[in-house]
Amino acid sequence: MRKRRLSIILTVMTAILILYAVFYTHLAGITSWVGVTGSETKSIIVILKSSNVRSDFWQAVKGGVDAAAKELSVETVVQSPLVETDADTQITLLDEAIKRKPHAIVVAPINDYRMVDKLEQVRKAGIKLVLIDNPIPLDPPPVSVANDHLKAGRLAGATAISMTGGHPKVAIISDNVDANASNARKSGIEQALLAYPDGVYGTYYTLDAKQRAYLIAKSLLGGGQPPFNTFITLTESATLGVAQAIEEAGMAGEMKLIGFESSIDEIQLLESGVLGATLVQRPFNLGYLALKTALREINGGDVETTTLIDSTVVNRMNMYSAENQKLLFPFSEK
């Protein structure tokens, strides 16, 4: 009995020692990652807007980050809130990232009044900073890699002109009045429609909620023939909500719908003809170039303050081309 008890004790002690060794090795790896041991490996923390696997856009951005990290042999950690509007969690992630003292932080900042101060803290900590797709006003301006939202807006406006035979009357459905990317898209649309006195019927805000977009569109479509002929929706949630209202009103094809982004749901709307066209961004390129820019900044190389990426107009006629298939399914670029 005593020998059996001793054998059990020795087994338990051995297991504890193994667990301790694993934990110590993991801890040492983290310490090395953050540079405390003087390792030459460059460390970059990437904080995106959403980790939701249903968010095709942010999953593609992450795919670009992962591809660049593998190519450049850079140690990266990618973190995100689950919900794209969860500024509290993103700010907590930034606080934790600053404490870990990586060589650089790449962040796609959520619109929030606290974000300017938090990003300034990154700089004051001596950490290189690169922004993705949301130009938060800092002094001096931060290094950023972004979609050219102004140009994309002009393309959306030009598409409305073409789709309506030169008679655009557009209802713009945006998310928030202070959303930088959407405001740039809206400005581009207005520039494209400047020569048309009734080109912009009005702008409506959904607070980035699909249901609110649906209710706004349903109200605008109710009561006979609406005094406009085109919706331009500046976000995925707005596109999906407006598309639902158009389908229910039996106006698919008659009421033009131009959107942004390229989720699976939007691709299906393109195929069905409810969505006439969408401005497709290059999220994979965003992540890939943002990480390469961060590494160049760490190494003291010349870095452009802003790197802009173009969008492409995709419609039912050209969506099956080889080039546009790569845009609609960006992981094929990996």
Protein backbone atom coordinates (compact mmCIF):
# COMPACT_ATOMS: atom_id res chain seq x y z
CA MET A 1 0.00 0.00 0.00
CA ARG A 2 2.83 2.38 0.91
CA LYS A 3 4.63 1.66 -2.38
CA ARG A 4 1.40 2.29 -4.28
CA ARG A 5 0.87 5.61 -2.48
CA LEU A 6 4.50 6.62 -3.20
CA SER A 7 4.02 5.74 -6.87
CA ILE A 8 0.90 7.96 -7.06
CA ILE A 9 2.75 10.84 -5.37
CA LEU A 10 5.67 10.53 -7.79
CA THR A 11 3.26 10.47 -10.77
CA VAL A 12 1.50 13.62 -9.56
CA MET A 13 4.83 15.40 -8.93
CA THR A 14 6.05 14.46 -12.40
CA ALA A 15 2.87 15.84 -13.96
CA ILE A 16 3.29 19.09 -12.02
CA LEU A 17 6.89 19.44 -13.19
CA ILE A 18 5.85 18.88 -16.81
CA LEU A 19 3.10 21.49 -16.54
CA TYR A 20 5.53 23.94 -14.95
CA ALA A 21 8.05 23.36 -17.74
CA VAL A 22 5.41 23.96 -20.40
CA PHE A 23 4.20 27.11 -18.65
CA TYR A 24 7.74 28.43 -18.18
CA THR A 25 8.58 27.80 -21.82
CA HIS A 26 5.41 29.62 -22.91
CA LEU A 27 6.17 32.50 -20.56
CA ALA A 28 9.73 32.71 -21.83
CA GLY A 29 8.40 32.79 -25.37
CA ILE A 30 6.13 35.74 -24.53
CA THR A 31 8.99 37.55 -22.81
CA SER A 32 11.19 37.03 -25.84
CA TRP A 33 8.34 38.15 -28.12
CA VAL A 34 7.99 41.51 -26.41
CA GLY A 35 11.71 42.10 -26.68
CA VAL A 36 12.78 41.85 -23.04
CA THR A 37 15.45 39.24 -23.85
CA GLY A 38 16.87 41.35 -26.64
CA SER A 39 15.61 39.08 -29.41
CA GLU A 40 16.00 40.52 -32.92
CA THR A 41 12.57 39.26 -33.96
CA LYS A 42 10.26 42.20 -34.66
CA SER A 43 6.99 42.16 -32.77
CA ILE A 44 3.77 43.71 -34.05
CA ILE A 45 0.34 43.67 -32.44
CA VAL A 46 -2.56 44.09 -34.87
CA ILE A 47 -5.95 45.20 -33.54
CA LEU A 48 -8.81 45.07 -36.02
CA LYS A 49 -12.48 46.04 -35.70
CA SER A 50 -14.04 42.57 -35.61
CA SER A 51 -13.02 38.95 -35.14
CA ASN A 52 -16.43 37.65 -36.24
CA VAL A 53 -15.86 34.81 -38.69
CA ARG A 54 -18.94 36.03 -40.61
CA SER A 55 -17.24 39.35 -41.28
CA ASP A 56 -15.69 38.60 -44.65
CA PHE A 57 -14.03 42.00 -44.81
CA TRP A 58 -12.10 41.76 -41.54
CA GLN A 59 -11.30 38.09 -42.04
CA ALA A 60 -9.73 39.07 -45.38
CA VAL A 61 -7.75 41.88 -43.69
CA LYS A 62 -6.47 39.31 -41.19
CA GLY A 63 -5.57 37.02 -44.08
CA GLY A 64 -3.39 39.78 -45.53
CA VAL A 65 -1.71 40.36 -42.17
CA ASP A 66 -1.00 36.64 -41.77
CA ALA A 67 0.43 36.38 -45.29
CA ALA A 68 2.78 39.33 -44.75
CA ALA A 69 3.87 38.04 -41.34
CA LYS A 70 4.79 34.67 -42.83
CA GLU A 71 6.61 36.25 -45.76
CA LEU A 72 8.57 38.70 -43.59
CA SER A 73 9.15 36.39 -40.59
CA VAL A 74 7.51 38.86 -38.20
CA GLU A 75 5.96 37.82 -34.90
CA THR A 76 2.36 39.08 -34.88
CA VAL A 77 -0.65 38.82 -32.64
CA VAL A 78 -4.01 39.72 -34.18
CA GLN A 79 -6.79 40.74 -31.80
CA SER A 80 -10.23 42.27 -32.24
CA PRO A 81 -13.57 42.80 -30.55
CA LEU A 82 -16.28 40.44 -31.74
CA VAL A 83 -18.59 43.32 -32.70
CA GLU A 84 -17.39 46.06 -35.05
CA THR A 85 -18.87 48.82 -32.87
CA ASP A 86 -17.40 47.62 -29.55
CA ALA A 87 -15.05 50.53 -28.82
CA ASP A 88 -14.72 49.60 -25.13
CA THR A 89 -13.14 46.24 -25.93
CA GLN A 90 -10.89 47.72 -28.60
CA ILE A 91 -9.62 50.36 -26.17
CA THR A 92 -8.96 47.64 -23.57
CA LEU A 93 -6.98 45.69 -26.19
CA LEU A 94 -4.96 48.84 -26.95
CA ASP A 95 -4.19 49.33 -23.25
CA GLU A 96 -2.94 45.74 -23.00
CA ALA A 97 -0.92 46.11 -26.21
CA ILE A 98 0.84 49.23 -24.91
CA LYS A 99 1.83 47.37 -21.74
CA ARG A 100 3.38 44.57 -23.81
CA LYS A 101 5.63 47.10 -25.60
CA PRO A 102 5.79 45.60 -29.11
CA HIS A 103 7.84 47.29 -31.79
CA ALA A 104 4.66 48.44 -33.54
CA ILE A 105 0.90 48.47 -33.19
CA VAL A 106 -1.31 48.31 -36.27
CA VAL A 107 -4.91 49.27 -35.53
CA ALA A 108 -8.16 49.75 -37.42
CA PRO A 109 -9.67 52.22 -34.95
CA ILE A 110 -13.38 52.27 -34.19
CA ASN A 111 -14.91 55.75 -34.20
CA ASP A 112 -14.93 56.86 -30.56
CA TYR A 113 -14.10 60.13 -28.82
CA ARG A 114 -11.47 58.37 -26.65
CA MET A 115 -9.49 57.02 -29.58
CA VAL A 116 -7.33 60.10 -30.19
CA ASP A 117 -5.93 60.04 -26.65
CA LYS A 118 -5.39 56.30 -26.75
CA LEU A 119 -3.44 56.45 -30.02
CA GLU A 120 -1.34 59.29 -28.63
CA GLN A 121 -0.46 56.99 -25.72
CA VAL A 122 0.89 54.47 -28.23
CA ARG A 123 3.21 57.13 -29.64
CA LYS A 124 4.30 58.39 -26.22
CA ALA A 125 5.27 54.82 -25.32
CA GLY A 126 7.74 54.86 -28.22
CA ILE A 127 5.75 52.28 -30.21
CA LYS A 128 5.42 52.70 -33.98
CA LEU A 129 1.80 53.24 -35.05
CA VAL A 130 0.06 52.36 -38.32
CA LEU A 131 -3.67 52.90 -38.86
CA ILE A 132 -5.88 50.83 -41.14
CA ASP A 133 -8.69 52.47 -43.09
CA ASN A 134 -9.83 55.09 -40.58
CA PRO A 135 -7.81 58.34 -40.58
CA ILE A 136 -8.05 59.49 -36.96
CA PRO A 137 -6.82 63.12 -36.76
CA LEU A 138 -3.50 63.22 -34.91
CA ASP A 139 -0.70 65.79 -34.98
CA PRO A 140 1.48 64.95 -36.80
CA PRO A 141 -0.73 62.77 -39.04
CA PRO A 142 -0.28 59.04 -38.42
CA VAL A 143 0.99 56.59 -40.99
CA SER A 144 -2.05 54.91 -42.51
CA VAL A 145 -3.04 52.35 -45.13
CA ALA A 146 -6.58 52.96 -46.30
CA ASN A 147 -9.09 52.47 -49.05
CA ASP A 148 -9.53 55.62 -51.14
CA HIS A 149 -13.06 56.25 -49.89
CA LEU A 150 -13.40 59.61 -51.64
CA LYS A 151 -12.56 58.07 -55.02
CA ALA A 152 -14.84 55.12 -54.29
CA GLY A 153 -17.67 57.56 -53.59
CA ARG A 154 -17.06 59.27 -56.94
CA LEU A 155 -17.20 55.86 -58.63
CA ALA A 156 -20.51 55.11 -56.88
CA GLY A 157 -21.92 58.43 -58.07
CA ALA A 158 -20.74 57.80 -61.63
CA THR A 159 -22.33 54.34 -61.48
CA ALA A 160 -25.65 55.91 -60.45
CA ILE A 161 -25.46 58.27 -63.44
CA SER A 162 -24.81 55.35 -65.79
CA MET A 163 -27.48 53.06 -64.32
CA THR A 164 -30.18 55.75 -64.51
CA GLY A 165 -29.41 56.87 -68.05
CA GLY A 166 -28.07 60.23 -66.89
CA HIS A 167 -30.96 61.03 -64.53
CA PRO A 168 -29.70 60.18 -61.02
CA LYS A 169 -31.80 60.96 -57.96
CA VAL A 170 -30.02 59.32 -55.08
CA ALA A 171 -30.97 58.55 -51.48
CA ILE A 172 -27.75 57.99 -49.53
CA ILE A 173 -27.96 55.57 -46.60
CA SER A 174 -25.00 56.02 -44.24
CA ASP A 175 -24.13 54.67 -40.80
CA ASN A 176 -23.04 57.49 -38.48
CA VAL A 177 -22.68 61.22 -38.97
CA ASP A 178 -19.11 61.08 -37.60
CA ALA A 179 -17.91 57.99 -39.50
CA ASN A 180 -14.80 59.12 -41.38
CA ALA A 181 -14.87 56.48 -44.13
CA SER A 182 -18.59 56.93 -44.82
CA ASN A 183 -18.27 60.72 -44.83
CA ALA A 184 -15.51 60.47 -47.44
CA ARG A 185 -17.69 58.18 -49.57
CA LYS A 186 -20.61 60.61 -49.21
CA SER A 187 -18.39 63.53 -50.29
CA GLY A 188 -17.28 61.57 -53.36
CA ILE A 189 -20.89 60.83 -54.33
CA GLU A 190 -21.81 64.50 -53.97
CA GLN A 191 -18.84 65.52 -56.13
CA ALA A 192 -19.87 63.09 -58.86
CA LEU A 193 -23.48 64.37 -58.81
CA LEU A 194 -22.61 68.06 -58.56
CA ALA A 195 -23.81 68.75 -62.10
CA TYR A 196 -27.24 67.29 -61.32
CA PRO A 197 -29.41 69.74 -59.31
CA ASP A 198 -31.59 66.95 -57.88
CA GLY A 199 -28.82 64.38 -57.85
CA VAL A 200 -28.89 63.85 -54.08
CA TYR A 201 -32.41 63.42 -52.70
CA GLY A 202 -31.23 63.12 -49.08
CA THR A 203 -28.91 61.38 -46.62
CA TYR A 204 -30.15 59.08 -43.86
CA TYR A 205 -28.28 57.53 -40.93
CA THR A 206 -28.79 54.00 -39.61
CA LEU A 207 -26.35 53.86 -36.65
CA ASP A 208 -24.90 50.89 -38.55
CA ALA A 209 -28.01 48.78 -37.90
CA LYS A 210 -29.53 46.62 -40.64
CA GLN A 211 -33.01 46.86 -39.12
CA ARG A 212 -32.86 50.65 -39.02
CA ALA A 213 -31.75 50.73 -42.67
CA TYR A 214 -34.70 48.49 -43.56
CA LEU A 215 -37.17 50.73 -41.74
CA ILE A 216 -35.79 53.90 -43.34
CA ALA A 217 -35.95 52.37 -46.83
CA LYS A 218 -39.43 50.96 -46.21
CA SER A 219 -40.65 54.41 -45.18
CA LEU A 220 -39.06 56.06 -48.22
CA LEU A 221 -40.53 53.48 -50.59
CA GLY A 222 -44.04 53.63 -49.13
CA GLY A 223 -46.95 55.64 -50.53
CA GLY A 224 -46.64 55.32 -54.27
CA GLN A 225 -43.79 56.18 -56.62
CA PRO A 226 -40.81 57.50 -54.62
CA PRO A 227 -39.26 60.82 -55.74
CA PHE A 228 -35.84 59.20 -56.33
CA ASN A 229 -34.58 56.27 -58.37
CA THR A 230 -31.43 55.05 -56.63
CA PHE A 231 -30.22 54.03 -53.20
CA ILE A 232 -26.49 54.24 -52.50
CA THR A 233 -25.71 52.38 -49.28
CA LEU A 234 -22.36 53.11 -47.66
CA THR A 235 -22.05 50.02 -45.43
CA GLU A 236 -22.86 46.32 -45.63
CA SER A 237 -25.60 46.54 -42.97
CA ALA A 238 -27.25 49.41 -44.86
CA THR A 239 -27.11 47.43 -48.13
CA LEU A 240 -28.73 44.36 -46.59
CA GLY A 241 -31.49 46.36 -44.86
CA VAL A 242 -32.35 48.41 -47.96
CA ALA A 243 -32.27 45.30 -50.18
CA GLN A 244 -34.85 43.65 -47.93
CA ALA A 245 -37.15 46.67 -48.23
CA ILE A 246 -36.75 46.79 -52.02
CA GLU A 247 -37.58 43.09 -52.35
CA GLU A 248 -40.65 43.40 -50.13
CA ALA A 249 -41.86 46.38 -52.19
CA GLY A 250 -41.48 44.33 -55.38
CA MET A 251 -39.10 46.94 -56.84
CA ALA A 252 -36.00 44.83 -57.48
CA GLY A 253 -34.33 46.12 -60.62
CA GLU A 254 -36.67 49.11 -60.88
CA MET A 255 -35.21 50.83 -57.80
CA LYS A 256 -31.44 50.92 -58.32
CA LEU A 257 -29.23 49.83 -55.43
CA ILE A 258 -25.50 50.52 -55.28
CA GLY A 259 -23.55 49.29 -52.27
CA PHE A 260 -20.08 48.96 -50.82
CA GLU A 261 -18.08 45.89 -49.78
CA SER A 262 -18.51 42.27 -50.87
CA SER A 263 -19.89 39.96 -48.20
CA ILE A 264 -21.41 36.61 -49.19
CA ASP A 265 -24.87 38.11 -48.68
CA GLU A 266 -24.03 41.01 -51.02
CA ILE A 267 -22.65 38.64 -53.65
CA GLN A 268 -25.97 36.74 -53.55
CA LEU A 269 -27.84 40.05 -53.96
CA LEU A 270 -25.70 40.80 -57.01
CA GLU A 271 -26.51 37.41 -58.50
CA SER A 272 -30.25 37.91 -57.92
CA GLY A 273 -30.23 41.41 -59.45
CA VAL A 274 -31.48 43.20 -56.30
CA LEU A 275 -28.06 44.84 -55.89
CA GLY A 276 -27.14 46.54 -59.15
CA ALA A 277 -23.48 47.17 -58.32
CA THR A 278 -21.10 47.27 -55.39
CA LEU A 279 -17.81 49.05 -54.77
CA VAL A 280 -15.44 46.24 -53.85
CA GLN A 281 -12.45 47.08 -51.72
CA ARG A 282 -9.25 45.10 -51.34
CA PRO A 283 -9.21 44.10 -47.66
CA PHE A 284 -6.50 41.49 -48.15
CA ASN A 285 -4.22 44.22 -49.52
CA LEU A 286 -5.05 46.45 -46.54
CA GLY A 287 -3.75 43.92 -44.05
CA TYR A 288 -0.77 42.91 -46.16
CA LEU A 289 0.44 46.47 -46.82
CA ALA A 290 -0.26 47.64 -43.27
CA LEU A 291 2.05 45.00 -41.81
CA LYS A 292 4.77 45.67 -44.42
CA THR A 293 4.48 49.41 -43.69
CA ALA A 294 4.81 48.80 -39.94
CA LEU A 295 7.96 46.72 -40.43
CA ARG A 296 9.46 49.37 -42.72
CA GLU A 297 8.76 51.99 -40.07
CA ILE A 298 10.35 49.83 -37.35
CA ASN A 299 13.48 49.46 -39.49
CA GLY A 300 13.71 53.22 -40.10
CA GLY A 301 12.87 53.09 -43.79
CA ASP A 302 11.04 55.74 -45.81
CA VAL A 303 7.30 55.45 -45.24
CA GLU A 304 4.48 57.26 -47.04
CA THR A 305 2.16 59.00 -44.57
CA THR A 306 -0.86 57.63 -46.43
CA THR A 307 -1.10 54.66 -48.77
CA LEU A 308 -4.42 54.59 -50.64
CA ILE A 309 -5.97 51.51 -52.23
CA ASP A 310 -8.50 51.75 -55.07
CA SER A 311 -11.91 50.09 -55.21
CA THR A 312 -13.56 48.40 -58.21
CA VAL A 313 -17.16 48.58 -59.44
CA VAL A 314 -18.53 45.05 -59.64
CA ASN A 315 -21.94 44.28 -61.16
CA ARG A 316 -23.89 41.26 -62.33
CA MET A 317 -22.27 41.42 -65.78
CA ASN A 318 -18.61 41.47 -64.70
CA MET A 319 -18.69 39.64 -61.37
CA TYR A 320 -17.58 36.33 -62.91
CA SER A 321 -14.39 37.68 -64.51
CA ALA A 322 -11.20 36.14 -63.16
CA GLU A 323 -10.00 39.46 -61.69
CA ASN A 324 -13.28 40.24 -59.97
CA GLN A 325 -13.57 36.73 -58.60
CA LYS A 326 -10.28 37.39 -56.79
CA LEU A 327 -11.76 40.58 -55.35
CA LEU A 328 -15.00 38.92 -54.28
CA PHE A 329 -13.13 35.97 -52.74
CA PRO A 330 -9.88 37.60 -51.55
CA PHE A 331 -8.46 34.54 -49.78
CA SER A 332 -7.65 33.17 -53.22
CA GLU A 333 -4.81 35.73 -53.22
CA LYS A 334 -3.04 34.00 -50.37
